[in-house]
Amino acid sequence: QTDLESFFSFFDLNKLDFSSGKVYAGRNKVQIFSVCVDYGPSGVIILVYKDIIYRILQVALGYANAAGSVPLRIDIQNQLGSDIVANAVAALSSHNGPIVIADIGSATTFTVITRDGVLDGVIIAPGVRMSLDALASYTSALPDISIETPKRIIAKNTSESMNVGVLYGHAFMIDGFIERIREELREESVCAILTGGLSSVVLPYCKTDFVHDDELILRG
Protein backbone atom coordinates (compact mmCIF):
# COMPACT_ATOMS: atom_id res chain seq x y z
CA GLN A 1 0.00 0.00 0.00
CA THR A 2 2.84 2.40 0.79
CA ASP A 3 4.41 1.81 -2.63
CA LEU A 4 1.09 2.49 -4.35
CA GLU A 5 0.54 5.68 -2.36
CA SER A 6 4.04 6.87 -3.35
CA PHE A 7 3.27 6.02 -6.97
CA PHE A 8 0.03 8.00 -7.08
CA SER A 9 1.73 10.95 -5.40
CA PHE A 10 4.73 10.74 -7.74
CA PHE A 11 2.80 10.63 -11.01
CA ASP A 12 0.00 12.93 -9.82
CA LEU A 13 -2.79 10.90 -11.44
CA ASN A 14 -5.30 13.68 -10.78
CA LYS A 15 -3.68 15.59 -13.65
CA LEU A 16 -4.12 13.54 -16.82
CA ASP A 17 -3.00 14.67 -20.25
CA PHE A 18 -4.98 13.31 -23.22
CA SER A 19 -3.07 13.48 -26.51
CA SER A 20 -2.55 11.39 -29.65
CA GLY A 21 -4.95 8.69 -28.55
CA LYS A 22 -3.07 7.94 -25.35
CA VAL A 23 -3.29 9.07 -21.74
CA TYR A 24 -0.24 10.36 -19.92
CA ALA A 25 -0.06 10.93 -16.18
CA GLY A 26 1.56 13.74 -14.27
CA ARG A 27 4.69 15.75 -14.89
CA ASN A 28 6.67 12.64 -15.88
CA LYS A 29 4.39 11.98 -18.89
CA VAL A 30 4.12 8.24 -18.25
CA GLN A 31 1.60 6.51 -20.51
CA ILE A 32 -0.83 4.66 -18.26
CA PHE A 33 -3.49 3.52 -20.71
CA SER A 34 -4.75 3.89 -24.26
CA VAL A 35 -8.04 5.48 -25.25
CA CYS A 36 -10.47 5.19 -28.10
CA VAL A 37 -11.87 8.53 -29.27
CA ASP A 38 -15.32 8.70 -30.88
CA TYR A 39 -17.04 11.84 -32.14
CA GLY A 40 -20.74 12.01 -31.25
CA PRO A 41 -23.49 14.65 -31.48
CA SER A 42 -22.51 16.14 -28.15
CA GLY A 43 -18.82 16.47 -29.00
CA VAL A 44 -15.87 14.25 -28.30
CA ILE A 45 -16.53 11.05 -26.36
CA ILE A 46 -13.53 9.32 -24.86
CA LEU A 47 -13.87 5.57 -24.26
CA VAL A 48 -11.25 4.15 -21.92
CA TYR A 49 -10.28 0.50 -22.25
CA LYS A 50 -11.65 -1.69 -19.47
CA ASP A 51 -8.20 -2.74 -18.19
CA ILE A 52 -7.34 0.75 -16.89
CA ILE A 53 -6.83 -0.48 -13.30
CA TYR A 54 -4.60 -3.31 -14.46
CA ARG A 55 -2.43 -0.94 -16.49
CA ILE A 56 -2.11 1.54 -13.62
CA LEU A 57 -1.04 -1.24 -11.26
CA GLN A 58 1.46 -2.54 -13.83
CA VAL A 59 3.16 0.84 -14.01
CA ALA A 60 2.97 1.28 -10.24
CA LEU A 61 4.62 -2.04 -9.46
CA GLY A 62 7.22 -1.59 -12.20
CA TYR A 63 8.23 1.80 -10.83
CA ALA A 64 8.32 0.55 -7.25
CA ASN A 65 10.56 -2.39 -8.19
CA ALA A 66 12.98 -0.22 -10.20
CA ALA A 67 13.22 2.50 -7.57
CA GLY A 68 13.75 -0.10 -4.83
CA SER A 69 16.75 -1.63 -6.60
CA VAL A 70 18.87 1.55 -6.49
CA PRO A 71 19.79 3.14 -3.13
CA LEU A 72 19.02 6.87 -3.20
CA ARG A 73 20.85 9.69 -1.44
CA ILE A 74 18.62 12.62 -2.36
CA ASP A 75 16.40 14.96 -0.35
CA ILE A 76 12.92 14.32 -1.83
CA GLN A 77 12.74 10.88 -3.41
CA ASN A 78 9.30 11.26 -5.03
CA GLN A 79 10.66 14.12 -7.16
CA LEU A 80 13.05 11.77 -8.92
CA GLY A 81 12.02 11.13 -12.54
CA SER A 82 11.30 7.55 -13.60
CA ASP A 83 13.71 7.99 -16.53
CA ILE A 84 16.52 8.80 -14.09
CA VAL A 85 15.82 5.63 -12.11
CA ALA A 86 15.61 3.50 -15.27
CA ASN A 87 18.95 4.83 -16.54
CA ALA A 88 20.59 4.14 -13.17
CA VAL A 89 19.24 0.58 -13.02
CA ALA A 90 20.52 -0.16 -16.54
CA ALA A 91 23.92 1.45 -15.91
CA LEU A 92 24.51 -0.51 -12.70
CA SER A 93 23.60 -3.77 -14.46
CA SER A 94 26.60 -3.47 -16.77
CA HIS A 95 29.07 -1.01 -15.19
CA ASN A 96 30.71 -0.45 -11.83
CA GLY A 97 30.55 2.86 -10.02
CA PRO A 98 31.41 5.64 -9.91
CA ILE A 99 29.18 6.41 -12.90
CA VAL A 100 27.97 9.65 -14.44
CA ILE A 101 25.08 9.33 -16.91
CA ALA A 102 24.66 12.29 -19.26
CA ASP A 103 21.19 12.04 -20.83
CA ILE A 104 20.79 14.43 -23.77
CA GLY A 105 17.07 14.89 -24.42
CA SER A 106 14.49 17.66 -23.98
CA ALA A 107 16.56 18.59 -20.96
CA THR A 108 20.13 17.49 -20.34
CA THR A 109 20.55 15.59 -17.09
CA PHE A 110 23.55 14.22 -15.23
CA THR A 111 22.92 11.31 -12.87
CA VAL A 112 25.68 10.59 -10.38
CA ILE A 113 26.19 7.08 -9.00
CA THR A 114 28.88 6.51 -6.39
CA ARG A 115 31.47 3.75 -6.18
CA ASP A 116 29.17 1.77 -3.87
CA GLY A 117 26.18 1.99 -6.24
CA VAL A 118 24.22 4.80 -4.57
CA LEU A 119 22.36 7.34 -6.73
CA ASP A 120 23.95 10.40 -5.17
CA GLY A 121 22.25 13.24 -7.06
CA VAL A 122 21.11 14.72 -10.36
CA ILE A 123 21.92 17.87 -12.34
CA ILE A 124 19.35 19.30 -14.76
CA ALA A 125 20.26 21.75 -17.52
CA PRO A 126 18.44 23.10 -20.60
CA GLY A 127 18.56 20.72 -23.56
CA VAL A 128 19.97 21.34 -27.05
CA ARG A 129 16.62 21.97 -28.73
CA MET A 130 15.39 24.00 -25.78
CA SER A 131 18.47 26.23 -26.00
CA LEU A 132 17.96 26.92 -29.71
CA ASP A 133 14.27 27.64 -29.11
CA ALA A 134 15.14 30.04 -26.30
CA LEU A 135 17.49 32.01 -28.57
CA ALA A 136 14.72 32.40 -31.15
CA SER A 137 11.99 33.15 -28.59
CA TYR A 138 13.78 35.67 -26.39
CA THR A 139 15.67 37.68 -29.00
CA SER A 140 14.07 39.77 -31.71
CA ALA A 141 16.55 39.14 -34.53
CA LEU A 142 17.41 35.45 -34.24
CA PRO A 143 15.41 32.92 -36.30
CA ASP A 144 13.91 29.56 -35.40
CA ILE A 145 16.39 27.08 -36.91
CA SER A 146 16.94 23.34 -37.13
CA ILE A 147 19.86 21.52 -35.51
CA GLU A 148 22.69 21.23 -38.04
CA THR A 149 26.26 20.00 -37.73
CA PRO A 150 28.68 22.96 -37.70
CA LYS A 151 31.55 22.78 -40.19
CA ARG A 152 33.81 24.95 -38.01
CA ILE A 153 33.79 26.67 -34.66
CA ILE A 154 34.25 30.20 -36.04
CA ALA A 155 30.83 30.60 -37.67
CA LYS A 156 30.12 32.67 -40.78
CA ASN A 157 26.32 33.11 -40.69
CA THR A 158 23.48 33.34 -38.17
CA SER A 159 22.27 29.75 -38.37
CA GLU A 160 25.79 28.40 -38.10
CA SER A 161 26.56 30.78 -35.24
CA MET A 162 23.57 29.52 -33.25
CA ASN A 163 24.39 25.86 -33.88
CA VAL A 164 28.03 26.37 -32.92
CA GLY A 165 27.03 28.20 -29.75
CA VAL A 166 24.52 25.58 -28.67
CA LEU A 167 26.27 22.35 -29.78
CA TYR A 168 29.84 23.27 -28.82
CA GLY A 169 28.56 25.06 -25.74
CA HIS A 170 26.63 21.93 -24.75
CA ALA A 171 29.71 19.77 -25.26
CA PHE A 172 31.83 22.13 -23.13
CA MET A 173 29.17 22.02 -20.40
CA ILE A 174 29.03 18.21 -20.49
CA ASP A 175 32.81 17.83 -20.31
CA GLY A 176 32.96 20.41 -17.54
CA PHE A 177 30.29 18.76 -15.42
CA ILE A 178 31.88 15.31 -15.79
CA GLU A 179 35.21 16.71 -14.56
CA ARG A 180 33.67 18.72 -11.68
CA ILE A 181 31.60 15.70 -10.57
CA ARG A 182 34.73 13.52 -10.62
CA GLU A 183 36.53 16.08 -8.45
CA GLU A 184 33.65 16.32 -5.97
CA LEU A 185 33.50 12.54 -5.68
CA ARG A 186 37.29 12.56 -5.14
CA GLU A 187 37.74 9.83 -7.73
CA GLU A 188 40.60 9.41 -10.18
CA SER A 189 38.13 8.49 -12.92
CA VAL A 190 34.43 7.83 -13.52
CA CYS A 191 32.52 5.68 -15.99
CA ALA A 192 30.89 8.31 -18.21
CA ILE A 193 27.79 7.16 -20.13
CA LEU A 194 26.19 9.29 -22.83
CA THR A 195 22.59 8.54 -23.75
CA GLY A 196 19.40 10.23 -24.95
CA GLY A 197 17.78 11.15 -28.23
CA LEU A 198 20.28 13.90 -29.08
CA SER A 199 23.40 12.22 -27.69
CA SER A 200 24.77 11.35 -31.14
CA VAL A 201 24.47 15.01 -32.17
CA VAL A 202 26.60 16.24 -29.26
CA LEU A 203 29.06 13.34 -28.95
CA PRO A 204 31.49 14.45 -31.73
CA TYR A 205 32.15 17.73 -29.90
CA CYS A 206 32.86 16.18 -26.47
CA LYS A 207 36.37 15.35 -25.25
CA THR A 208 35.19 12.96 -22.52
CA ASP A 209 35.74 9.27 -23.29
CA PHE A 210 32.06 8.24 -23.18
CA VAL A 211 30.33 4.90 -23.35
CA HIS A 212 27.64 5.82 -25.89
CA ASP A 213 24.43 3.90 -25.19
CA ASP A 214 21.23 5.10 -26.90
CA GLU A 215 19.20 2.19 -25.48
CA LEU A 216 20.15 2.59 -21.83
CA ILE A 217 16.67 3.59 -20.64
CA LEU A 218 15.03 0.68 -22.48
CA ARG A 219 17.06 -1.82 -20.50
CA GLY A 220 16.15 -0.11 -17.23
C-alpha atoms as a PDB file:
ATOM      1  CA  GLN A   1       0.000   0.000   0.000  1.00  0.00           C
ATOM      2  CA  THR A   2       2.838   2.402   0.785  1.00  0.00           C
ATOM      3  CA  ASP A   3       4.414   1.812  -2.632  1.00  0.00           C
ATOM      4  CA  LEU A   4       1.092   2.494  -4.353  1.00  0.00           C
ATOM      5  CA  GLU A   5       0.544   5.684  -2.360  1.00  0.00           C
ATOM      6  CA  SER A   6       4.035   6.866  -3.355  1.00  0.00           C
ATOM      7  CA  PHE A   7       3.275   6.024  -6.974  1.00  0.00           C
ATOM      8  CA  PHE A   8       0.028   7.999  -7.083  1.00  0.00           C
ATOM      9  CA  SER A   9       1.733  10.946  -5.403  1.00  0.00           C
ATOM     10  CA  PHE A  10       4.734  10.737  -7.742  1.00  0.00           C
ATOM     11  CA  PHE A  11       2.797  10.635 -11.013  1.00  0.00           C
ATOM     12  CA  ASP A  12       0.004  12.932  -9.823  1.00  0.00           C
ATOM     13  CA  LEU A  13      -2.794  10.897 -11.437  1.00  0.00           C
ATOM     14  CA  ASN A  14      -5.299  13.677 -10.778  1.00  0.00           C
ATOM     15  CA  LYS A  15      -3.685  15.586 -13.649  1.00  0.00           C
ATOM     16  CA  LEU A  16      -4.123  13.541 -16.817  1.00  0.00           C
ATOM     17  CA  ASP A  17      -2.995  14.667 -20.249  1.00  0.00           C
ATOM     18  CA  PHE A  18      -4.978  13.311 -23.216  1.00  0.00           C
ATOM     19  CA  SER A  19      -3.069  13.484 -26.506  1.00  0.00           C
ATOM     20  CA  SER A  20      -2.549  11.388 -29.647  1.00  0.00           C
ATOM     21  CA  GLY A  21      -4.951   8.690 -28.549  1.00  0.00           C
ATOM     22  CA  LYS A  22      -3.071   7.941 -25.350  1.00  0.00           C
ATOM     23  CA  VAL A  23      -3.288   9.067 -21.744  1.00  0.00           C
ATOM     24  CA  TYR A  24      -0.243  10.359 -19.923  1.00  0.00           C
ATOM     25  CA  ALA A  25      -0.058  10.929 -16.178  1.00  0.00           C
ATOM     26  CA  GLY A  26       1.565  13.738 -14.267  1.00  0.00           C
ATOM     27  CA  ARG A  27       4.687  15.746 -14.887  1.00  0.00           C
ATOM     28  CA  ASN A  28       6.669  12.645 -15.883  1.00  0.00           C
ATOM     29  CA  LYS A  29       4.391  11.977 -18.885  1.00  0.00           C
ATOM     30  CA  VAL A  30       4.120   8.244 -18.250  1.00  0.00           C
ATOM     31  CA  GLN A  31       1.596   6.510 -20.514  1.00  0.00           C
ATOM     32  CA  ILE A  32      -0.826   4.662 -18.258  1.00  0.00           C
ATOM     33  CA  PHE A  33      -3.491   3.515 -20.708  1.00  0.00           C
ATOM     34  CA  SER A  34      -4.750   3.892 -24.261  1.00  0.00           C
ATOM     35  CA  VAL A  35      -8.037   5.484 -25.248  1.00  0.00           C
ATOM     36  CA  CYS A  36     -10.468   5.194 -28.103  1.00  0.00           C
ATOM     37  CA  VAL A  37     -11.867   8.529 -29.273  1.00  0.00           C
ATOM     38  CA  ASP A  38     -15.319   8.697 -30.881  1.00  0.00           C
ATOM     39  CA  TYR A  39     -17.037  11.836 -32.144  1.00  0.00           C
ATOM     40  CA  GLY A  40     -20.739  12.012 -31.254  1.00  0.00           C
ATOM     41  CA  PRO A  41     -23.494  14.649 -31.483  1.00  0.00           C
ATOM     42  CA  SER A  42     -22.512  16.136 -28.155  1.00  0.00           C
ATOM     43  CA  GLY A  43     -18.823  16.474 -29.002  1.00  0.00           C
ATOM     44  CA  VAL A  44     -15.872  14.247 -28.297  1.00  0.00           C
ATOM     45  CA  ILE A  45     -16.534  11.046 -26.356  1.00  0.00           C
ATOM     46  CA  ILE A  46     -13.531   9.320 -24.861  1.00  0.00           C
ATOM     47  CA  LEU A  47     -13.869   5.574 -24.264  1.00  0.00           C
ATOM     48  CA  VAL A  48     -11.254   4.152 -21.922  1.00  0.00           C
ATOM     49  CA  TYR A  49     -10.277   0.500 -22.248  1.00  0.00           C
ATOM     50  CA  LYS A  50     -11.649  -1.695 -19.471  1.00  0.00           C
ATOM     51  CA  ASP A  51      -8.205  -2.744 -18.192  1.00  0.00           C
ATOM     52  CA  ILE A  52      -7.336   0.748 -16.887  1.00  0.00           C
ATOM     53  CA  ILE A  53      -6.832  -0.482 -13.300  1.00  0.00           C
ATOM     54  CA  TYR A  54      -4.597  -3.311 -14.462  1.00  0.00           C
ATOM     55  CA  ARG A  55      -2.432  -0.938 -16.486  1.00  0.00           C
ATOM     56  CA  ILE A  56      -2.108   1.544 -13.624  1.00  0.00           C
ATOM     57  CA  LEU A  57      -1.045  -1.243 -11.264  1.00  0.00           C
ATOM     58  CA  GLN A  58       1.455  -2.539 -13.829  1.00  0.00           C
ATOM     59  CA  VAL A  59       3.164   0.844 -14.014  1.00  0.00           C
ATOM     60  CA  ALA A  60       2.974   1.283 -10.239  1.00  0.00           C
ATOM     61  CA  LEU A  61       4.620  -2.045  -9.465  1.00  0.00           C
ATOM     62  CA  GLY A  62       7.220  -1.595 -12.204  1.00  0.00           C
ATOM     63  CA  TYR A  63       8.231   1.796 -10.828  1.00  0.00           C
ATOM     64  CA  ALA A  64       8.319   0.549  -7.248  1.00  0.00           C
ATOM     65  CA  ASN A  65      10.558  -2.393  -8.193  1.00  0.00           C
ATOM     66  CA  ALA A  66      12.979  -0.221 -10.204  1.00  0.00           C
ATOM     67  CA  ALA A  67      13.219   2.496  -7.569  1.00  0.00           C
ATOM     68  CA  GLY A  68      13.754  -0.097  -4.830  1.00  0.00           C
ATOM     69  CA  SER A  69      16.748  -1.629  -6.602  1.00  0.00           C
ATOM     70  CA  VAL A  70      18.874   1.555  -6.489  1.00  0.00           C
ATOM     71  CA  PRO A  71      19.788   3.140  -3.132  1.00  0.00           C
ATOM     72  CA  LEU A  72      19.024   6.870  -3.198  1.00  0.00           C
ATOM     73  CA  ARG A  73      20.854   9.685  -1.444  1.00  0.00           C
ATOM     74  CA  ILE A  74      18.618  12.622  -2.359  1.00  0.00           C
ATOM     75  CA  ASP A  75      16.396  14.963  -0.351  1.00  0.00           C
ATOM     76  CA  ILE A  76      12.923  14.320  -1.826  1.00  0.00           C
ATOM     77  CA  GLN A  77      12.736  10.880  -3.410  1.00  0.00           C
ATOM     78  CA  ASN A  78       9.300  11.257  -5.031  1.00  0.00           C
ATOM     79  CA  GLN A  79      10.660  14.122  -7.156  1.00  0.00           C
ATOM     80  CA  LEU A  80      13.053  11.771  -8.918  1.00  0.00           C
ATOM     81  CA  GLY A  81      12.023  11.134 -12.536  1.00  0.00           C
ATOM     82  CA  SER A  82      11.296   7.554 -13.602  1.00  0.00           C
ATOM     83  CA  ASP A  83      13.709   7.993 -16.535  1.00  0.00           C
ATOM     84  CA  ILE A  84      16.524   8.795 -14.093  1.00  0.00           C
ATOM     85  CA  VAL A  85      15.818   5.632 -12.110  1.00  0.00           C
ATOM     86  CA  ALA A  86      15.611   3.501 -15.274  1.00  0.00           C
ATOM     87  CA  ASN A  87      18.948   4.828 -16.545  1.00  0.00           C
ATOM     88  CA  ALA A  88      20.585   4.143 -13.175  1.00  0.00           C
ATOM     89  CA  VAL A  89      19.244   0.578 -13.020  1.00  0.00           C
ATOM     90  CA  ALA A  90      20.522  -0.163 -16.536  1.00  0.00           C
ATOM     91  CA  ALA A  91      23.919   1.447 -15.913  1.00  0.00           C
ATOM     92  CA  LEU A  92      24.511  -0.514 -12.704  1.00  0.00           C
ATOM     93  CA  SER A  93      23.600  -3.770 -14.457  1.00  0.00           C
ATOM     94  CA  SER A  94      26.601  -3.468 -16.772  1.00  0.00           C
ATOM     95  CA  HIS A  95      29.070  -1.006 -15.191  1.00  0.00           C
ATOM     96  CA  ASN A  96      30.714  -0.448 -11.830  1.00  0.00           C
ATOM     97  CA  GLY A  97      30.548   2.857 -10.018  1.00  0.00           C
ATOM     98  CA  PRO A  98      31.406   5.637  -9.911  1.00  0.00           C
ATOM     99  CA  ILE A  99      29.179   6.407 -12.904  1.00  0.00           C
ATOM    100  CA  VAL A 100      27.970   9.654 -14.438  1.00  0.00           C
ATOM    101  CA  ILE A 101      25.083   9.326 -16.911  1.00  0.00           C
ATOM    102  CA  ALA A 102      24.659  12.288 -19.255  1.00  0.00           C
ATOM    103  CA  ASP A 103      21.188  12.042 -20.828  1.00  0.00           C
ATOM    104  CA  ILE A 104      20.792  14.434 -23.773  1.00  0.00           C
ATOM    105  CA  GLY A 105      17.072  14.887 -24.420  1.00  0.00           C
ATOM    106  CA  SER A 106      14.494  17.660 -23.976  1.00  0.00           C
ATOM    107  CA  ALA A 107      16.561  18.587 -20.957  1.00  0.00           C
ATOM    108  CA  THR A 108      20.125  17.485 -20.344  1.00  0.00           C
ATOM    109  CA  THR A 109      20.551  15.593 -17.089  1.00  0.00           C
ATOM    110  CA  PHE A 110      23.550  14.216 -15.232  1.00  0.00           C
ATOM    111  CA  THR A 111      22.919  11.308 -12.871  1.00  0.00           C
ATOM    112  CA  VAL A 112      25.677  10.593 -10.376  1.00  0.00           C
ATOM    113  CA  ILE A 113      26.185   7.085  -8.999  1.00  0.00           C
ATOM    114  CA  THR A 114      28.876   6.512  -6.387  1.00  0.00           C
ATOM    115  CA  ARG A 115      31.475   3.752  -6.182  1.00  0.00           C
ATOM    116  CA  ASP A 116      29.172   1.775  -3.872  1.00  0.00           C
ATOM    117  CA  GLY A 117      26.183   1.988  -6.241  1.00  0.00           C
ATOM    118  CA  VAL A 118      24.223   4.804  -4.572  1.00  0.00           C
ATOM    119  CA  LEU A 119      22.362   7.342  -6.727  1.00  0.00           C
ATOM    120  CA  ASP A 120      23.948  10.399  -5.166  1.00  0.00           C
ATOM    121  CA  GLY A 121      22.249  13.240  -7.055  1.00  0.00           C
ATOM    122  CA  VAL A 122      21.109  14.721 -10.357  1.00  0.00           C
ATOM    123  CA  ILE A 123      21.923  17.869 -12.337  1.00  0.00           C
ATOM    124  CA  ILE A 124      19.349  19.305 -14.759  1.00  0.00           C
ATOM    125  CA  ALA A 125      20.264  21.754 -17.519  1.00  0.00           C
ATOM    126  CA  PRO A 126      18.439  23.103 -20.600  1.00  0.00           C
ATOM    127  CA  GLY A 127      18.565  20.717 -23.564  1.00  0.00           C
ATOM    128  CA  VAL A 128      19.971  21.336 -27.047  1.00  0.00           C
ATOM    129  CA  ARG A 129      16.619  21.965 -28.732  1.00  0.00           C
ATOM    130  CA  MET A 130      15.390  24.000 -25.782  1.00  0.00           C
ATOM    131  CA  SER A 131      18.468  26.226 -25.997  1.00  0.00           C
ATOM    132  CA  LEU A 132      17.965  26.917 -29.709  1.00  0.00           C
ATOM    133  CA  ASP A 133      14.267  27.635 -29.114  1.00  0.00           C
ATOM    134  CA  ALA A 134      15.139  30.044 -26.304  1.00  0.00           C
ATOM    135  CA  LEU A 135      17.489  32.010 -28.568  1.00  0.00           C
ATOM    136  CA  ALA A 136      14.721  32.403 -31.147  1.00  0.00           C
ATOM    137  CA  SER A 137      11.990  33.149 -28.586  1.00  0.00           C
ATOM    138  CA  TYR A 138      13.784  35.671 -26.387  1.00  0.00           C
ATOM    139  CA  THR A 139      15.667  37.677 -28.999  1.00  0.00           C
ATOM    140  CA  SER A 140      14.065  39.774 -31.708  1.00  0.00           C
ATOM    141  CA  ALA A 141      16.549  39.144 -34.527  1.00  0.00           C
ATOM    142  CA  LEU A 142      17.412  35.446 -34.241  1.00  0.00           C
ATOM    143  CA  PRO A 143      15.412  32.916 -36.303  1.00  0.00           C
ATOM    144  CA  ASP A 144      13.908  29.556 -35.402  1.00  0.00           C
ATOM    145  CA  ILE A 145      16.392  27.085 -36.907  1.00  0.00           C
ATOM    146  CA  SER A 146      16.941  23.336 -37.125  1.00  0.00           C
ATOM    147  CA  ILE A 147      19.857  21.516 -35.512  1.00  0.00           C
ATOM    148  CA  GLU A 148      22.688  21.229 -38.037  1.00  0.00           C
ATOM    149  CA  THR A 149      26.260  19.998 -37.726  1.00  0.00           C
ATOM    150  CA  PRO A 150      28.684  22.964 -37.699  1.00  0.00           C
ATOM    151  CA  LYS A 151      31.552  22.781 -40.193  1.00  0.00           C
ATOM    152  CA  ARG A 152      33.808  24.945 -38.013  1.00  0.00           C
ATOM    153  CA  ILE A 153      33.793  26.667 -34.664  1.00  0.00           C
ATOM    154  CA  ILE A 154      34.248  30.205 -36.044  1.00  0.00           C
ATOM    155  CA  ALA A 155      30.829  30.601 -37.669  1.00  0.00           C
ATOM    156  CA  LYS A 156      30.117  32.673 -40.782  1.00  0.00           C
ATOM    157  CA  ASN A 157      26.316  33.109 -40.691  1.00  0.00           C
ATOM    158  CA  THR A 158      23.482  33.344 -38.166  1.00  0.00           C
ATOM    159  CA  SER A 159      22.266  29.748 -38.370  1.00  0.00           C
ATOM    160  CA  GLU A 160      25.788  28.404 -38.103  1.00  0.00           C
ATOM    161  CA  SER A 161      26.556  30.779 -35.236  1.00  0.00           C
ATOM    162  CA  MET A 162      23.567  29.525 -33.248  1.00  0.00           C
ATOM    163  CA  ASN A 163      24.392  25.863 -33.881  1.00  0.00           C
ATOM    164  CA  VAL A 164      28.034  26.372 -32.924  1.00  0.00           C
ATOM    165  CA  GLY A 165      27.034  28.198 -29.750  1.00  0.00           C
ATOM    166  CA  VAL A 166      24.524  25.575 -28.673  1.00  0.00           C
ATOM    167  CA  LEU A 167      26.275  22.350 -29.783  1.00  0.00           C
ATOM    168  CA  TYR A 168      29.836  23.267 -28.824  1.00  0.00           C
ATOM    169  CA  GLY A 169      28.556  25.056 -25.739  1.00  0.00           C
ATOM    170  CA  HIS A 170      26.635  21.932 -24.752  1.00  0.00           C
ATOM    171  CA  ALA A 171      29.714  19.773 -25.261  1.00  0.00           C
ATOM    172  CA  PHE A 172      31.833  22.128 -23.132  1.00  0.00           C
ATOM    173  CA  MET A 173      29.166  22.019 -20.404  1.00  0.00           C
ATOM    174  CA  ILE A 174      29.031  18.214 -20.489  1.00  0.00           C
ATOM    175  CA  ASP A 175      32.811  17.829 -20.314  1.00  0.00           C
ATOM    176  CA  GLY A 176      32.964  20.414 -17.544  1.00  0.00           C
ATOM    177  CA  PHE A 177      30.292  18.762 -15.416  1.00  0.00           C
ATOM    178  CA  ILE A 178      31.881  15.306 -15.787  1.00  0.00           C
ATOM    179  CA  GLU A 179      35.209  16.705 -14.560  1.00  0.00           C
ATOM    180  CA  ARG A 180      33.674  18.720 -11.683  1.00  0.00           C
ATOM    181  CA  ILE A 181      31.602  15.698 -10.569  1.00  0.00           C
ATOM    182  CA  ARG A 182      34.735  13.517 -10.617  1.00  0.00           C
ATOM    183  CA  GLU A 183      36.531  16.083  -8.453  1.00  0.00           C
ATOM    184  CA  GLU A 184      33.654  16.320  -5.967  1.00  0.00           C
ATOM    185  CA  LEU A 185      33.495  12.536  -5.680  1.00  0.00           C
ATOM    186  CA  ARG A 186      37.285  12.557  -5.140  1.00  0.00           C
ATOM    187  CA  GLU A 187      37.739   9.834  -7.726  1.00  0.00           C
ATOM    188  CA  GLU A 188      40.603   9.409 -10.181  1.00  0.00           C
ATOM    189  CA  SER A 189      38.134   8.495 -12.925  1.00  0.00           C
ATOM    190  CA  VAL A 190      34.430   7.826 -13.516  1.00  0.00           C
ATOM    191  CA  CYS A 191      32.524   5.682 -15.991  1.00  0.00           C
ATOM    192  CA  ALA A 192      30.886   8.314 -18.209  1.00  0.00           C
ATOM    193  CA  ILE A 193      27.795   7.156 -20.126  1.00  0.00           C
ATOM    194  CA  LEU A 194      26.189   9.289 -22.831  1.00  0.00           C
ATOM    195  CA  THR A 195      22.589   8.544 -23.754  1.00  0.00           C
ATOM    196  CA  GLY A 196      19.396  10.233 -24.946  1.00  0.00           C
ATOM    197  CA  GLY A 197      17.784  11.153 -28.233  1.00  0.00           C
ATOM    198  CA  LEU A 198      20.282  13.898 -29.085  1.00  0.00           C
ATOM    199  CA  SER A 199      23.400  12.220 -27.688  1.00  0.00           C
ATOM    200  CA  SER A 200      24.773  11.347 -31.136  1.00  0.00           C
ATOM    201  CA  VAL A 201      24.472  15.012 -32.166  1.00  0.00           C
ATOM    202  CA  VAL A 202      26.602  16.240 -29.262  1.00  0.00           C
ATOM    203  CA  LEU A 203      29.064  13.340 -28.953  1.00  0.00           C
ATOM    204  CA  PRO A 204      31.486  14.451 -31.733  1.00  0.00           C
ATOM    205  CA  TYR A 205      32.146  17.732 -29.898  1.00  0.00           C
ATOM    206  CA  CYS A 206      32.858  16.181 -26.466  1.00  0.00           C
ATOM    207  CA  LYS A 207      36.367  15.349 -25.248  1.00  0.00           C
ATOM    208  CA  THR A 208      35.190  12.962 -22.521  1.00  0.00           C
ATOM    209  CA  ASP A 209      35.742   9.266 -23.291  1.00  0.00           C
ATOM    210  CA  PHE A 210      32.062   8.239 -23.181  1.00  0.00           C
ATOM    211  CA  VAL A 211      30.335   4.901 -23.347  1.00  0.00           C
ATOM    212  CA  HIS A 212      27.643   5.823 -25.894  1.00  0.00           C
ATOM    213  CA  ASP A 213      24.432   3.902 -25.193  1.00  0.00           C
ATOM    214  CA  ASP A 214      21.233   5.097 -26.904  1.00  0.00           C
ATOM    215  CA  GLU A 215      19.196   2.194 -25.479  1.00  0.00           C
ATOM    216  CA  LEU A 216      20.145   2.588 -21.834  1.00  0.00           C
ATOM    217  CA  ILE A 217      16.670   3.588 -20.637  1.00  0.00           C
ATOM    218  CA  LEU A 218      15.028   0.684 -22.484  1.00  0.00           C
ATOM    219  CA  ARG A 219      17.058  -1.823 -20.501  1.00  0.00           C
ATOM    220  CA  GLY A 220      16.146  -0.110 -17.234  1.00  0.00           C
END
